[in-house]
Amino acid sequence: LVSRVAHQMSLHYGDSLEKQMKWQQFSLLMQ
């Protein structure tokens, strides 16, 4: 669940590549 939420956050920050990548990495770590 946390991984999916983190993935959605990465999509939310689509205008900021740095924030997008941080959330994307957190999603990968959780899964």
ModelCIF file with pLDDT and N, C-alpha, C, O atoms, coordinates in Angstrom:
data_MODEL
#
_entry.id   MODEL 
#
_entity.id                         1 
_entity.type                       polymer 
_entity.pdbx_number_of_molecules   1 
#
_entity_poly.entity_id                      1 
_entity_poly.type                           'polypeptide(L)' 
_entity_poly.nstd_linkage                   no 
_entity_poly.nstd_monomer                   no 
_entity_poly.pdbx_seq_one_letter_code       LVSRVAHQMSLHYGDSLEKQMKWQQFSLLMQ 
_entity_poly.pdbx_seq_one_letter_code_can   LVSRVAHQMSLHYGDSLEKQMKWQQFSLLMQ 
_entity_poly.pdbx_strand_id                 A 
#
loop_
_entity_poly_seq.entity_id 
_entity_poly_seq.num 
_entity_poly_seq.mon_id 
_entity_poly_seq.hetero 
1 1  LEU n 
1 2  VAL n 
1 3  SER n 
1 4  ARG n 
1 5  VAL n 
1 6  ALA n 
1 7  HIS n 
1 8  GLN n 
1 9  MET n 
1 10 SER n 
1 11 LEU n 
1 12 HIS n 
1 13 TYR n 
1 14 GLY n 
1 15 ASP n 
1 16 SER n 
1 17 LEU n 
1 18 GLU n 
1 19 LYS n 
1 20 GLN n 
1 21 MET n 
1 22 LYS n 
1 23 TRP n 
1 24 GLN n 
1 25 GLN n 
1 26 PHE n 
1 27 SER n 
1 28 LEU n 
1 29 LEU n 
1 30 MET n 
1 31 GLN n 
#
_struct_asym.id          A 
_struct_asym.entity_id   1 
#
loop_
_ma_qa_metric.id 
_ma_qa_metric.mode 
_ma_qa_metric.name 
_ma_qa_metric.software_group_id 
_ma_qa_metric.type 
1 global pLDDT . pLDDT 
2 local  pLDDT . pLDDT 
#
_ma_qa_metric_global.metric_id      1 
_ma_qa_metric_global.metric_value   84.16 
_ma_qa_metric_global.model_id       1 
_ma_qa_metric_global.ordinal_id     1 
#
loop_
_ma_qa_metric_local.label_asym_id 
_ma_qa_metric_local.label_comp_id 
_ma_qa_metric_local.label_seq_id 
_ma_qa_metric_local.metric_id 
_ma_qa_metric_local.metric_value 
_ma_qa_metric_local.model_id 
_ma_qa_metric_local.ordinal_id 
A LEU 1  2 92.00 1 1  
A VAL 2  2 88.00 1 2  
A SER 3  2 87.00 1 3  
A ARG 4  2 90.00 1 4  
A VAL 5  2 89.00 1 5  
A ALA 6  2 85.00 1 6  
A HIS 7  2 84.00 1 7  
A GLN 8  2 87.00 1 8  
A MET 9  2 87.00 1 9  
A SER 10 2 81.00 1 10 
A LEU 11 2 80.00 1 11 
A HIS 12 2 74.00 1 12 
A TYR 13 2 71.00 1 13 
A GLY 14 2 64.00 1 14 
A ASP 15 2 70.00 1 15 
A SER 16 2 78.00 1 16 
A LEU 17 2 82.00 1 17 
A GLU 18 2 81.00 1 18 
A LYS 19 2 82.00 1 19 
A GLN 20 2 85.00 1 20 
A MET 21 2 84.00 1 21 
A LYS 22 2 85.00 1 22 
A TRP 23 2 88.00 1 23 
A GLN 24 2 87.00 1 24 
A GLN 25 2 88.00 1 25 
A PHE 26 2 87.00 1 26 
A SER 27 2 88.00 1 27 
A LEU 28 2 90.00 1 28 
A LEU 29 2 91.00 1 29 
A MET 30 2 92.00 1 30 
A GLN 31 2 92.00 1 31 
#
loop_
_atom_site.group_PDB 
_atom_site.id 
_atom_site.type_symbol 
_atom_site.label_atom_id 
_atom_site.label_alt_id 
_atom_site.label_comp_id 
_atom_site.label_asym_id 
_atom_site.label_entity_id 
_atom_site.label_seq_id 
_atom_site.pdbx_PDB_ins_code 
_atom_site.Cartn_x 
_atom_site.Cartn_y 
_atom_site.Cartn_z 
_atom_site.occupancy 
_atom_site.B_iso_or_equiv 
_atom_site.pdbx_formal_charge 
_atom_site.auth_seq_id 
_atom_site.auth_comp_id 
_atom_site.auth_asym_id 
_atom_site.auth_atom_id 
_atom_site.pdbx_PDB_model_num 
ATOM 1   N N  . LEU A 1 1  ? 0.831  -1.202 0.000   1.00 92.00 ? 1  LEU A N  1 
ATOM 2   C CA . LEU A 1 1  ? 0.000  0.000  0.000   1.00 92.00 ? 1  LEU A CA 1 
ATOM 3   C C  . LEU A 1 1  ? 0.866  1.252  0.000   1.00 92.00 ? 1  LEU A C  1 
ATOM 4   O O  . LEU A 1 1  ? 0.608  2.194  -0.750  1.00 92.00 ? 1  LEU A O  1 
ATOM 5   N N  . VAL A 1 2  ? 1.890  1.259  0.841   1.00 88.00 ? 2  VAL A N  1 
ATOM 6   C CA . VAL A 1 2  ? 2.786  2.421  0.911   1.00 88.00 ? 2  VAL A CA 1 
ATOM 7   C C  . VAL A 1 2  ? 3.495  2.621  -0.431  1.00 88.00 ? 2  VAL A C  1 
ATOM 8   O O  . VAL A 1 2  ? 3.688  3.752  -0.878  1.00 88.00 ? 2  VAL A O  1 
ATOM 9   N N  . SER A 1 3  ? 3.879  1.513  -1.065  1.00 87.00 ? 3  SER A N  1 
ATOM 10  C CA . SER A 1 3  ? 4.530  1.600  -2.365  1.00 87.00 ? 3  SER A CA 1 
ATOM 11  C C  . SER A 1 3  ? 3.609  2.239  -3.398  1.00 87.00 ? 3  SER A C  1 
ATOM 12  O O  . SER A 1 3  ? 4.050  3.072  -4.190  1.00 87.00 ? 3  SER A O  1 
ATOM 13  N N  . ARG A 1 4  ? 2.335  1.857  -3.395  1.00 90.00 ? 4  ARG A N  1 
ATOM 14  C CA . ARG A 1 4  ? 1.387  2.428  -4.358  1.00 90.00 ? 4  ARG A CA 1 
ATOM 15  C C  . ARG A 1 4  ? 1.166  3.914  -4.096  1.00 90.00 ? 4  ARG A C  1 
ATOM 16  O O  . ARG A 1 4  ? 1.069  4.711  -5.028  1.00 90.00 ? 4  ARG A O  1 
ATOM 17  N N  . VAL A 1 5  ? 1.087  4.276  -2.818  1.00 89.00 ? 5  VAL A N  1 
ATOM 18  C CA . VAL A 1 5  ? 0.917  5.694  -2.470  1.00 89.00 ? 5  VAL A CA 1 
ATOM 19  C C  . VAL A 1 5  ? 2.129  6.503  -2.941  1.00 89.00 ? 5  VAL A C  1 
ATOM 20  O O  . VAL A 1 5  ? 1.988  7.597  -3.488  1.00 89.00 ? 5  VAL A O  1 
ATOM 21  N N  . ALA A 1 6  ? 3.323  5.940  -2.717  1.00 85.00 ? 6  ALA A N  1 
ATOM 22  C CA . ALA A 1 6  ? 4.542  6.629  -3.152  1.00 85.00 ? 6  ALA A CA 1 
ATOM 23  C C  . ALA A 1 6  ? 4.572  6.782  -4.671  1.00 85.00 ? 6  ALA A C  1 
ATOM 24  O O  . ALA A 1 6  ? 5.008  7.808  -5.194  1.00 85.00 ? 6  ALA A O  1 
ATOM 25  N N  . HIS A 1 7  ? 4.103  5.748  -5.373  1.00 84.00 ? 7  HIS A N  1 
ATOM 26  C CA . HIS A 1 7  ? 4.058  5.841  -6.842  1.00 84.00 ? 7  HIS A CA 1 
ATOM 27  C C  . HIS A 1 7  ? 3.100  6.950  -7.278  1.00 84.00 ? 7  HIS A C  1 
ATOM 28  O O  . HIS A 1 7  ? 3.410  7.707  -8.198  1.00 84.00 ? 7  HIS A O  1 
ATOM 29  N N  . GLN A 1 8  ? 1.945  7.050  -6.627  1.00 87.00 ? 8  GLN A N  1 
ATOM 30  C CA . GLN A 1 8  ? 1.003  8.110  -6.957  1.00 87.00 ? 8  GLN A CA 1 
ATOM 31  C C  . GLN A 1 8  ? 1.590  9.486  -6.667  1.00 87.00 ? 8  GLN A C  1 
ATOM 32  O O  . GLN A 1 8  ? 1.346  10.434 -7.413  1.00 87.00 ? 8  GLN A O  1 
ATOM 33  N N  . MET A 1 9  ? 2.357  9.599  -5.596  1.00 87.00 ? 9  MET A N  1 
ATOM 34  C CA . MET A 1 9  ? 3.017  10.865 -5.277  1.00 87.00 ? 9  MET A CA 1 
ATOM 35  C C  . MET A 1 9  ? 4.022  11.240 -6.362  1.00 87.00 ? 9  MET A C  1 
ATOM 36  O O  . MET A 1 9  ? 4.181  12.415 -6.693  1.00 87.00 ? 9  MET A O  1 
ATOM 37  N N  . SER A 1 10 ? 4.705  10.222 -6.918  1.00 81.00 ? 10 SER A N  1 
ATOM 38  C CA . SER A 1 10 ? 5.662  10.520 -7.985  1.00 81.00 ? 10 SER A CA 1 
ATOM 39  C C  . SER A 1 10 ? 4.951  11.087 -9.209  1.00 81.00 ? 10 SER A C  1 
ATOM 40  O O  . SER A 1 10 ? 5.492  11.956 -9.893  1.00 81.00 ? 10 SER A O  1 
ATOM 41  N N  . LEU A 1 11 ? 3.756  10.604 -9.486  1.00 80.00 ? 11 LEU A N  1 
ATOM 42  C CA . LEU A 1 11 ? 2.976  11.135 -10.601 1.00 80.00 ? 11 LEU A CA 1 
ATOM 43  C C  . LEU A 1 11 ? 2.481  12.543 -10.303 1.00 80.00 ? 11 LEU A C  1 
ATOM 44  O O  . LEU A 1 11 ? 2.410  13.388 -11.195 1.00 80.00 ? 11 LEU A O  1 
ATOM 45  N N  . HIS A 1 12 ? 2.139  12.789 -9.032  1.00 74.00 ? 12 HIS A N  1 
ATOM 46  C CA . HIS A 1 12 ? 1.648  14.105 -8.615  1.00 74.00 ? 12 HIS A CA 1 
ATOM 47  C C  . HIS A 1 12 ? 2.711  15.176 -8.832  1.00 74.00 ? 12 HIS A C  1 
ATOM 48  O O  . HIS A 1 12 ? 2.398  16.314 -9.181  1.00 74.00 ? 12 HIS A O  1 
ATOM 49  N N  . TYR A 1 13 ? 4.001  14.792 -8.616  1.00 71.00 ? 13 TYR A N  1 
ATOM 50  C CA . TYR A 1 13 ? 5.092  15.755 -8.759  1.00 71.00 ? 13 TYR A CA 1 
ATOM 51  C C  . TYR A 1 13 ? 5.720  15.684 -10.155 1.00 71.00 ? 13 TYR A C  1 
ATOM 52  O O  . TYR A 1 13 ? 6.928  15.870 -10.308 1.00 71.00 ? 13 TYR A O  1 
ATOM 53  N N  . GLY A 1 14 ? 4.905  15.416 -11.157 1.00 64.00 ? 14 GLY A N  1 
ATOM 54  C CA . GLY A 1 14 ? 5.413  15.287 -12.514 1.00 64.00 ? 14 GLY A CA 1 
ATOM 55  C C  . GLY A 1 14 ? 6.118  16.514 -13.038 1.00 64.00 ? 14 GLY A C  1 
ATOM 56  O O  . GLY A 1 14 ? 6.928  16.417 -13.960 1.00 64.00 ? 14 GLY A O  1 
ATOM 57  N N  . ASP A 1 15 ? 5.817  17.696 -12.455 1.00 70.00 ? 15 ASP A N  1 
ATOM 58  C CA . ASP A 1 15 ? 6.472  18.916 -12.914 1.00 70.00 ? 15 ASP A CA 1 
ATOM 59  C C  . ASP A 1 15 ? 7.822  19.131 -12.252 1.00 70.00 ? 15 ASP A C  1 
ATOM 60  O O  . ASP A 1 15 ? 8.576  20.012 -12.666 1.00 70.00 ? 15 ASP A O  1 
ATOM 61  N N  . SER A 1 16 ? 8.144  18.342 -11.229 1.00 78.00 ? 16 SER A N  1 
ATOM 62  C CA . SER A 1 16 ? 9.432  18.445 -10.552 1.00 78.00 ? 16 SER A CA 1 
ATOM 63  C C  . SER A 1 16 ? 10.138 17.089 -10.660 1.00 78.00 ? 16 SER A C  1 
ATOM 64  O O  . SER A 1 16 ? 9.792  16.139 -9.958  1.00 78.00 ? 16 SER A O  1 
ATOM 65  N N  . LEU A 1 17 ? 11.133 17.015 -11.550 1.00 82.00 ? 17 LEU A N  1 
ATOM 66  C CA . LEU A 1 17 ? 11.805 15.737 -11.783 1.00 82.00 ? 17 LEU A CA 1 
ATOM 67  C C  . LEU A 1 17 ? 12.488 15.226 -10.520 1.00 82.00 ? 17 LEU A C  1 
ATOM 68  O O  . LEU A 1 17 ? 12.497 14.022 -10.264 1.00 82.00 ? 17 LEU A O  1 
ATOM 69  N N  . GLU A 1 18 ? 13.063 16.136 -9.727  1.00 81.00 ? 18 GLU A N  1 
ATOM 70  C CA . GLU A 1 18 ? 13.777 15.721 -8.526  1.00 81.00 ? 18 GLU A CA 1 
ATOM 71  C C  . GLU A 1 18 ? 12.826 15.068 -7.526  1.00 81.00 ? 18 GLU A C  1 
ATOM 72  O O  . GLU A 1 18 ? 13.136 13.998 -7.001  1.00 81.00 ? 18 GLU A O  1 
ATOM 73  N N  . LYS A 1 19 ? 11.681 15.683 -7.250  1.00 82.00 ? 19 LYS A N  1 
ATOM 74  C CA . LYS A 1 19 ? 10.711 15.104 -6.318  1.00 82.00 ? 19 LYS A CA 1 
ATOM 75  C C  . LYS A 1 19 ? 10.107 13.825 -6.890  1.00 82.00 ? 19 LYS A C  1 
ATOM 76  O O  . LYS A 1 19 ? 9.872  12.856 -6.167  1.00 82.00 ? 19 LYS A O  1 
ATOM 77  N N  . GLN A 1 20 ? 9.864  13.839 -8.177  1.00 85.00 ? 20 GLN A N  1 
ATOM 78  C CA . GLN A 1 20 ? 9.297  12.655 -8.824  1.00 85.00 ? 20 GLN A CA 1 
ATOM 79  C C  . GLN A 1 20 ? 10.207 11.447 -8.638  1.00 85.00 ? 20 GLN A C  1 
ATOM 80  O O  . GLN A 1 20 ? 9.737  10.360 -8.302  1.00 85.00 ? 20 GLN A O  1 
ATOM 81  N N  . MET A 1 21 ? 11.502 11.632 -8.852  1.00 84.00 ? 21 MET A N  1 
ATOM 82  C CA . MET A 1 21 ? 12.447 10.516 -8.742  1.00 84.00 ? 21 MET A CA 1 
ATOM 83  C C  . MET A 1 21 ? 12.585 10.035 -7.299  1.00 84.00 ? 21 MET A C  1 
ATOM 84  O O  . MET A 1 21 ? 12.749 8.837  -7.066  1.00 84.00 ? 21 MET A O  1 
ATOM 85  N N  . LYS A 1 22 ? 12.522 10.947 -6.330  1.00 85.00 ? 22 LYS A N  1 
ATOM 86  C CA . LYS A 1 22 ? 12.633 10.543 -4.921  1.00 85.00 ? 22 LYS A CA 1 
ATOM 87  C C  . LYS A 1 22 ? 11.450 9.656  -4.513  1.00 85.00 ? 22 LYS A C  1 
ATOM 88  O O  . LYS A 1 22 ? 11.630 8.633  -3.852  1.00 85.00 ? 22 LYS A O  1 
ATOM 89  N N  . TRP A 1 23 ? 10.240 10.063 -4.915  1.00 88.00 ? 23 TRP A N  1 
ATOM 90  C CA . TRP A 1 23 ? 9.071  9.243  -4.596  1.00 88.00 ? 23 TRP A CA 1 
ATOM 91  C C  . TRP A 1 23 ? 9.109  7.913  -5.355  1.00 88.00 ? 23 TRP A C  1 
ATOM 92  O O  . TRP A 1 23 ? 8.702  6.874  -4.834  1.00 88.00 ? 23 TRP A O  1 
ATOM 93  N N  . GLN A 1 24 ? 9.599  7.965  -6.579  1.00 87.00 ? 24 GLN A N  1 
ATOM 94  C CA . GLN A 1 24 ? 9.690  6.742  -7.368  1.00 87.00 ? 24 GLN A CA 1 
ATOM 95  C C  . GLN A 1 24 ? 10.661 5.759  -6.714  1.00 87.00 ? 24 GLN A C  1 
ATOM 96  O O  . GLN A 1 24 ? 10.387 4.561  -6.655  1.00 87.00 ? 24 GLN A O  1 
ATOM 97  N N  . GLN A 1 25 ? 11.791 6.264  -6.226  1.00 88.00 ? 25 GLN A N  1 
ATOM 98  C CA . GLN A 1 25 ? 12.754 5.379  -5.571  1.00 88.00 ? 25 GLN A CA 1 
ATOM 99  C C  . GLN A 1 25 ? 12.158 4.803  -4.286  1.00 88.00 ? 25 GLN A C  1 
ATOM 100 O O  . GLN A 1 25 ? 12.338 3.620  -3.998  1.00 88.00 ? 25 GLN A O  1 
ATOM 101 N N  . PHE A 1 26 ? 11.461 5.617  -3.526  1.00 87.00 ? 26 PHE A N  1 
ATOM 102 C CA . PHE A 1 26 ? 10.855 5.119  -2.298  1.00 87.00 ? 26 PHE A CA 1 
ATOM 103 C C  . PHE A 1 26 ? 9.834  4.022  -2.610  1.00 87.00 ? 26 PHE A C  1 
ATOM 104 O O  . PHE A 1 26 ? 9.739  3.034  -1.882  1.00 87.00 ? 26 PHE A O  1 
ATOM 105 N N  . SER A 1 27 ? 9.085  4.196  -3.676  1.00 88.00 ? 27 SER A N  1 
ATOM 106 C CA . SER A 1 27 ? 8.124  3.170  -4.087  1.00 88.00 ? 27 SER A CA 1 
ATOM 107 C C  . SER A 1 27 ? 8.830  1.861  -4.414  1.00 88.00 ? 27 SER A C  1 
ATOM 108 O O  . SER A 1 27 ? 8.366  0.790  -4.025  1.00 88.00 ? 27 SER A O  1 
ATOM 109 N N  . LEU A 1 28 ? 9.959  1.943  -5.134  1.00 90.00 ? 28 LEU A N  1 
ATOM 110 C CA . LEU A 1 28 ? 10.719 0.739  -5.483  1.00 90.00 ? 28 LEU A CA 1 
ATOM 111 C C  . LEU A 1 28 ? 11.268 0.046  -4.244  1.00 90.00 ? 28 LEU A C  1 
ATOM 112 O O  . LEU A 1 28 ? 11.257 -1.182 -4.167  1.00 90.00 ? 28 LEU A O  1 
ATOM 113 N N  . LEU A 1 29 ? 11.749 0.822  -3.273  1.00 91.00 ? 29 LEU A N  1 
ATOM 114 C CA . LEU A 1 29 ? 12.301 0.235  -2.050  1.00 91.00 ? 29 LEU A CA 1 
ATOM 115 C C  . LEU A 1 29 ? 11.223 -0.500 -1.258  1.00 91.00 ? 29 LEU A C  1 
ATOM 116 O O  . LEU A 1 29 ? 11.475 -1.568 -0.700  1.00 91.00 ? 29 LEU A O  1 
ATOM 117 N N  . MET A 1 30 ? 10.043 0.066  -1.212  1.00 92.00 ? 30 MET A N  1 
ATOM 118 C CA . MET A 1 30 ? 8.971  -0.550 -0.433  1.00 92.00 ? 30 MET A CA 1 
ATOM 119 C C  . MET A 1 30 ? 8.448  -1.838 -1.078  1.00 92.00 ? 30 MET A C  1 
ATOM 120 O O  . MET A 1 30 ? 7.901  -2.692 -0.380  1.00 92.00 ? 30 MET A O  1 
ATOM 121 N N  . GLN A 1 31 ? 8.605  -1.989 -2.386  1.00 92.00 ? 31 GLN A N  1 
ATOM 122 C CA . GLN A 1 31 ? 8.092  -3.191 -3.036  1.00 92.00 ? 31 GLN A CA 1 
ATOM 123 C C  . GLN A 1 31 ? 9.172  -4.236 -3.292  1.00 92.00 ? 31 GLN A C  1 
ATOM 124 O O  . GLN A 1 31 ? 8.883  -5.302 -3.835  1.00 92.00 ? 31 GLN A O  1 
#
